[in-house]
Protein backbone atom coordinates (compact mmCIF):
# COMPACT_ATOMS: atom_id res chain seq x y z
CA MET A 1 108.08 106.66 188.90
CA GLY A 2 105.40 108.63 187.09
CA ALA A 3 102.70 107.00 185.02
CA ALA A 4 103.63 106.10 181.44
CA LYS A 5 102.67 108.64 178.93
CA THR A 6 100.38 107.51 176.17
CA VAL A 7 99.93 109.03 172.76
CA PRO A 8 96.27 109.43 171.86
CA ARG A 9 95.21 107.66 168.67
CA ARG A 10 94.23 109.87 165.80
CA GLY A 11 90.72 109.46 164.49
CA PRO A 12 89.84 109.24 160.83
CA ALA A 13 88.94 112.89 160.65
CA SER A 14 91.98 114.20 162.57
CA SER A 15 94.27 116.53 160.72
CA GLY A 16 98.04 116.55 160.69
CA ARG A 17 98.06 119.51 163.04
CA GLU A 18 95.94 117.68 165.66
CA PHE A 19 98.03 114.56 165.35
CA ALA A 20 101.24 116.50 165.85
CA ALA A 21 99.78 118.37 168.83
CA SER A 22 98.60 115.22 170.56
CA LEU A 23 101.86 113.44 169.80
CA PHE A 24 104.14 116.09 171.24
CA GLN A 25 102.10 117.63 174.06
CA THR A 26 103.77 115.30 176.52
CA GLY A 27 107.12 116.61 175.44
CA GLY A 28 106.30 120.11 176.54
CA ILE A 29 106.00 121.41 172.94
CA ARG A 30 102.96 123.22 171.78
CA LEU A 31 102.13 123.76 168.16
CA LYS A 32 100.64 127.03 167.16
CA GLY A 33 96.91 126.83 167.67
CA SER A 34 97.08 123.37 169.36
CA ARG A 35 96.21 124.59 172.90
CA LYS A 36 94.11 127.42 174.12
CA GLU A 37 95.81 130.22 175.96
CA GLY A 38 95.82 129.67 179.69
CA ALA A 39 95.20 125.90 179.49
CA PRO A 40 97.47 123.92 181.88
CA ARG A 41 100.10 121.60 180.50
CA LYS A 42 99.35 117.93 180.94
CA CYS A 43 102.84 117.06 181.92
CA GLY A 44 105.49 119.19 183.45
CA ARG A 45 108.31 116.71 183.21
CA LYS A 46 111.36 118.13 181.64
CA VAL A 47 112.25 116.82 178.18
CA ARG A 48 115.82 116.35 177.08
CA PRO A 49 117.11 119.08 174.80
CA HIS A 50 117.92 116.82 171.85
CA LEU A 51 114.50 115.15 172.03
CA ARG A 52 112.91 118.57 172.18
CA CYS A 53 114.74 119.63 169.00
CA VAL A 54 113.72 116.49 167.16
CA SER A 55 110.14 116.93 168.36
CA MET A 56 110.06 120.52 167.25
CA ALA A 57 111.35 119.62 163.78
CA ILE A 58 108.82 116.84 163.28
CA ALA A 59 105.99 118.98 164.67
CA LEU A 60 106.94 121.83 162.35
CA PHE A 61 107.07 119.46 159.39
CA LEU A 62 103.62 118.12 160.21
CA ASP A 63 102.22 121.56 160.98
CA LEU A 64 103.27 122.89 157.56
CA GLY A 65 101.08 120.30 155.87
CA ALA A 66 103.94 118.65 153.96
CA PHE A 67 103.22 115.34 155.59
CA ARG A 68 100.01 113.47 156.37
CA PRO A 69 100.33 110.35 158.49
CA LYS A 70 97.14 108.93 157.05
CA ARG A 71 98.64 108.84 153.51
CA LEU A 72 102.21 108.10 154.46
CA GLY A 73 102.10 104.39 153.69
CA ARG A 74 100.35 104.75 150.37
CA MET A 75 102.52 107.62 149.13
CA SER A 76 105.66 105.75 150.13
CA ASP A 77 104.54 102.61 148.33
CA GLU A 78 103.68 104.52 145.15
CA SER A 79 106.98 106.37 145.14
CA PHE A 80 108.89 103.16 145.81
CA PHE A 81 107.24 101.19 143.01
CA ARG A 82 107.60 104.11 140.62
CA GLU A 83 111.31 104.41 141.32
CA VAL A 84 111.84 100.65 141.05
CA THR A 85 109.94 100.50 137.75
CA GLU A 86 111.95 103.38 136.34
CA GLU A 87 115.22 101.75 137.37
CA LEU A 88 114.17 98.47 135.79
CA ARG A 89 113.34 100.23 132.55
CA GLN A 90 116.68 101.98 132.53
CA ASP A 91 118.51 98.72 133.23
CA ARG A 92 116.68 96.92 130.43
CA ALA A 93 117.35 99.76 128.01
CA LYS A 94 121.05 99.76 128.90
CA ALA A 95 121.23 95.99 128.49
CA PHE A 96 119.49 96.13 125.13
CA LEU A 97 121.75 98.91 123.86
CA SER A 98 124.88 97.18 125.09
CA LYS A 99 123.85 94.00 123.24
CA TYR A 100 122.35 95.41 120.04
CA GLY A 101 123.46 99.03 119.98
CA LEU A 102 126.23 98.48 117.44
CA TRP A 103 123.90 96.57 115.13
CA LEU A 104 121.29 99.29 115.38
CA VAL A 105 123.83 101.95 114.46
CA ALA A 106 125.03 99.86 111.51
CA LEU A 107 121.46 99.31 110.34
CA ALA A 108 120.71 103.02 110.55
CA VAL A 109 123.84 103.83 108.52
CA ILE A 110 122.89 101.25 105.88
CA VAL A 111 119.36 102.67 105.59
CA VAL A 112 120.69 106.20 105.20
CA LEU A 113 123.24 105.16 102.58
CA ALA A 114 120.70 103.07 100.65
CA THR A 115 118.21 105.94 100.62
CA ALA A 116 120.85 108.39 99.45
CA GLY A 117 121.99 105.98 96.75
CA PHE A 118 118.44 105.43 95.51
CA VAL A 119 117.77 109.16 95.32
CA LEU A 120 121.01 109.75 93.43
CA TYR A 121 120.25 106.91 91.02
CA ARG A 122 116.76 108.26 90.31
CA HIS A 123 118.21 111.69 89.64
CA TRP A 124 120.87 110.25 87.31
CA ASP A 125 118.30 108.07 85.52
CA LEU A 126 115.97 111.02 85.03
CA GLU A 127 118.77 113.17 83.66
CA ARG A 128 119.70 110.52 81.10
CA ALA A 129 116.07 110.10 80.04
CA ASN A 130 115.70 113.85 79.63
CA GLN A 131 118.79 113.99 77.46
CA SER A 132 117.48 111.16 75.26
CA GLY A 133 114.10 112.89 74.98
CA ASP A 134 115.73 116.13 73.87
CA ALA A 135 117.80 114.30 71.29
CA LEU A 136 114.71 112.54 69.90
CA SER A 137 112.85 115.82 69.66
CA GLN A 138 115.70 117.35 67.68
CA ALA A 139 115.80 114.35 65.34
CA LEU A 140 112.06 114.64 64.65
CA SER A 141 112.46 118.33 63.91
CA LEU A 142 115.15 117.50 61.37
CA ALA A 143 112.89 114.91 59.73
CA GLN A 144 110.04 117.41 59.44
CA ALA A 145 112.44 119.90 57.88
CA GLY A 146 113.34 117.36 55.18
CA LYS A 147 116.80 116.58 56.56
CA THR A 148 116.06 112.86 56.68
CA ASP A 149 119.66 111.64 56.45
CA GLN A 150 120.76 113.69 59.44
CA ALA A 151 117.61 112.69 61.29
CA LEU A 152 118.32 109.00 60.68
CA ALA A 153 121.89 109.44 61.93
CA ASP A 154 120.69 111.09 65.12
CA LEU A 155 118.05 108.40 65.63
CA ASP A 156 120.71 105.73 65.24
CA LYS A 157 122.73 107.37 68.02
CA ILE A 158 119.67 107.41 70.27
CA GLU A 159 119.02 103.76 69.50
CA LYS A 160 122.54 102.83 70.57
CA ASN A 161 123.14 105.25 73.44
CA GLY A 162 119.67 106.35 74.50
CA HIS A 163 118.02 105.65 77.82
CA GLY A 164 114.62 104.36 78.86
CA ALA A 165 112.01 103.83 76.15
CA TYR A 166 113.62 106.32 73.77
CA PRO A 167 115.80 103.78 71.89
CA VAL A 168 112.69 101.81 70.89
CA LEU A 169 110.87 104.99 69.88
CA ALA A 170 113.90 105.97 67.82
CA ARG A 171 113.78 102.63 66.00
CA MET A 172 110.08 103.03 65.23
CA ARG A 173 110.55 106.57 64.01
CA ALA A 174 113.53 105.61 61.85
CA ALA A 175 111.43 102.91 60.15
CA THR A 176 108.72 105.47 59.43
CA ILE A 177 111.24 107.85 57.90
CA LEU A 178 112.51 105.03 55.67
CA ALA A 179 108.97 104.41 54.46
CA ASP A 180 108.49 108.12 53.78
CA LYS A 181 111.68 108.12 51.74
CA GLY A 182 110.37 105.22 49.63
CA ASN A 183 112.59 102.57 51.15
CA PHE A 184 109.72 100.19 51.85
CA ASN A 185 111.79 97.05 52.16
CA GLY A 186 114.05 98.77 54.70
CA ALA A 187 111.03 100.05 56.61
CA VAL A 188 109.44 96.59 56.78
CA LYS A 189 112.71 95.08 57.97
CA ALA A 190 113.03 97.74 60.65
CA PHE A 191 109.47 97.16 61.89
CA ASP A 192 109.94 93.39 61.79
CA ALA A 193 113.11 93.76 63.87
CA VAL A 194 111.21 95.66 66.55
CA ALA A 195 108.38 93.10 66.47
CA ALA A 196 110.85 90.24 66.96
CA ASP A 197 112.70 91.90 69.86
CA GLY A 198 111.64 90.20 73.09
CA SER A 199 112.90 93.07 75.22
CA VAL A 200 110.36 95.45 73.67
CA PRO A 201 106.92 95.70 75.31
CA ASP A 202 104.21 93.61 73.62
CA SER A 203 102.07 96.63 72.80
CA ILE A 204 104.88 98.25 70.80
CA ARG A 205 105.71 94.95 69.11
CA ASP A 206 102.09 94.64 67.94
CA ILE A 207 102.16 98.19 66.58
CA ALA A 208 105.33 97.37 64.66
CA LYS A 209 103.64 94.31 63.12
CA LEU A 210 100.63 96.39 62.10
CA ARG A 211 102.78 99.13 60.58
CA ALA A 212 104.67 96.56 58.52
CA ALA A 213 101.37 94.99 57.42
CA PHE A 214 99.99 98.31 56.14
CA ILE A 215 103.19 98.96 54.19
CA LEU A 216 102.90 95.50 52.61
CA VAL A 217 99.28 96.15 51.58
CA ASP A 218 100.67 98.30 48.76
CA HIS A 219 104.15 96.82 48.47
CA GLY A 220 103.74 93.16 49.30
CA SER A 221 101.50 90.13 48.96
CA TYR A 222 98.37 89.07 50.77
CA ASP A 223 100.27 86.27 52.49
CA GLU A 224 102.86 88.72 53.83
CA VAL A 225 100.13 90.97 55.19
CA SER A 226 98.24 88.03 56.67
CA ALA A 227 101.36 86.72 58.41
CA ARG A 228 101.65 89.97 60.33
CA ALA A 229 98.01 91.10 60.74
CA LYS A 230 96.20 87.80 61.27
CA PRO A 231 97.54 87.27 64.84
CA LEU A 232 96.35 90.78 65.72
CA SER A 233 92.75 90.22 64.57
CA SER A 234 91.67 88.14 67.58
CA GLU A 235 88.83 89.43 69.74
CA THR A 236 91.10 90.16 72.69
CA ASN A 237 93.60 92.32 70.84
CA PRO A 238 93.00 96.10 70.99
CA LEU A 239 94.37 96.46 67.43
CA ARG A 240 91.93 93.93 65.97
CA PHE A 241 89.86 96.40 63.95
CA SER A 242 92.91 97.97 62.27
CA ALA A 243 94.34 94.51 61.63
CA ARG A 244 91.07 93.41 59.97
CA GLU A 245 91.13 96.53 57.83
CA ALA A 246 94.65 95.67 56.65
CA LEU A 247 93.51 92.12 55.87
CA GLY A 248 90.47 93.42 53.99
CA LEU A 249 92.54 95.82 51.91
CA ALA A 250 95.12 93.14 51.11
CA ALA A 251 92.37 90.69 50.09
CA TRP A 252 90.65 93.33 47.92
CA LYS A 253 93.94 94.16 46.19
CA ALA A 254 94.64 90.45 45.64
CA GLY A 255 91.24 89.97 44.02
CA LYS A 256 89.73 88.04 46.92
CA LEU A 257 86.59 90.14 46.96
CA ASP A 258 84.38 87.78 48.99
CA GLU A 259 86.96 87.57 51.74
CA ALA A 260 87.52 91.33 51.63
CA LEU A 261 83.76 91.99 51.84
CA LYS A 262 83.54 89.73 54.87
CA PHE A 263 86.24 91.71 56.66
CA PHE A 264 84.72 95.10 55.85
CA GLN A 265 81.15 94.13 56.72
CA GLY A 266 82.35 92.77 60.03
CA ILE A 267 84.03 96.06 60.83
CA ALA A 268 81.03 98.15 59.69
CA THR A 269 78.64 96.30 61.99
CA GLU A 270 80.96 96.36 65.00
CA GLN A 271 79.84 99.09 67.40
CA MET A 272 83.13 98.93 69.30
CA ALA A 273 85.09 99.90 66.21
CA PRO A 274 86.16 103.55 65.81
CA ARG A 275 83.75 105.70 63.83
CA GLY A 276 86.22 106.64 61.10
CA LEU A 277 87.17 103.01 60.58
CA ARG A 278 83.48 101.98 60.29
CA GLU A 279 82.91 104.67 57.67
CA ARG A 280 85.85 103.43 55.59
CA ALA A 281 84.59 99.85 55.94
CA ASN A 282 81.13 100.88 54.71
CA LEU A 283 82.71 102.68 51.78
CA MET A 284 84.77 99.64 50.80
CA SER A 285 81.74 97.35 51.20
CA ASP A 286 79.70 99.52 48.84
CA LEU A 287 82.60 99.62 46.38
CA ILE A 288 82.98 95.84 46.34
CA ARG A 289 79.26 95.22 46.03
CA GLY A 290 79.00 97.86 43.30
CA SER A 291 81.65 96.11 41.25
CA GLY A 292 79.34 93.12 40.86
CA LYS A 293 82.19 90.69 41.26
CA ALA A 294 81.45 89.63 44.81
CA SER A 295 79.02 86.79 45.37
């Protein structure tokens, strides 16, 4: 029997072509460019046809550069782990969707419906507010034109059927119209009703108290003015200077000149007070001092 054929080991720098040539030279197959013309074959033993076909296919595959034995193991490992990782991800995603998919769809539907409902509500709310604003504007136009009775009727409708802050504004405006008509008691009652309404913002309630106090300066007593304006005269209230003016006027009218002078001098020396209010306070201080009745 002939000596066993050995396949030479491929060095680190050997290419795929050289490896294929050395691997299949013993099979009687020569790759293009793997042996010089005229060089003798190393083995003349006849190779079986089916082995020759397999050898030719592998040699051609290697010769085309589509395969490199040196990187075979690493490329196979990377491809394997990549495929396994992708399959695991797909399996986990399928398991998650099968378990929670229905809940996710329901949640998405709820979010969409809630968003649509909120948008529709905002649109409806804005439309109602616009309608109330237009009605209030028309009522004010009627009042300016002297049609106070019709204006009061329209303001009463806004107070009952209006939307947003417009009912409160309608109440305040109706009280002002009553005062302009000479119905001072009705105006004070209307302002007092707004001031006592807990659903009205505090700032508007304080304005209602102050408006009632100024009406009572001329059509009420000092005690009535003080009951409404005194709580507004604290240092933390933004209406304190106007409230002190109302108290000073009520005291001056009631003959309490020393108390009135105290209020007006305090306003005149207060740099935070509005300029017009300080000028009026100085004027009243000079008037009281000029009367000679204040101590």
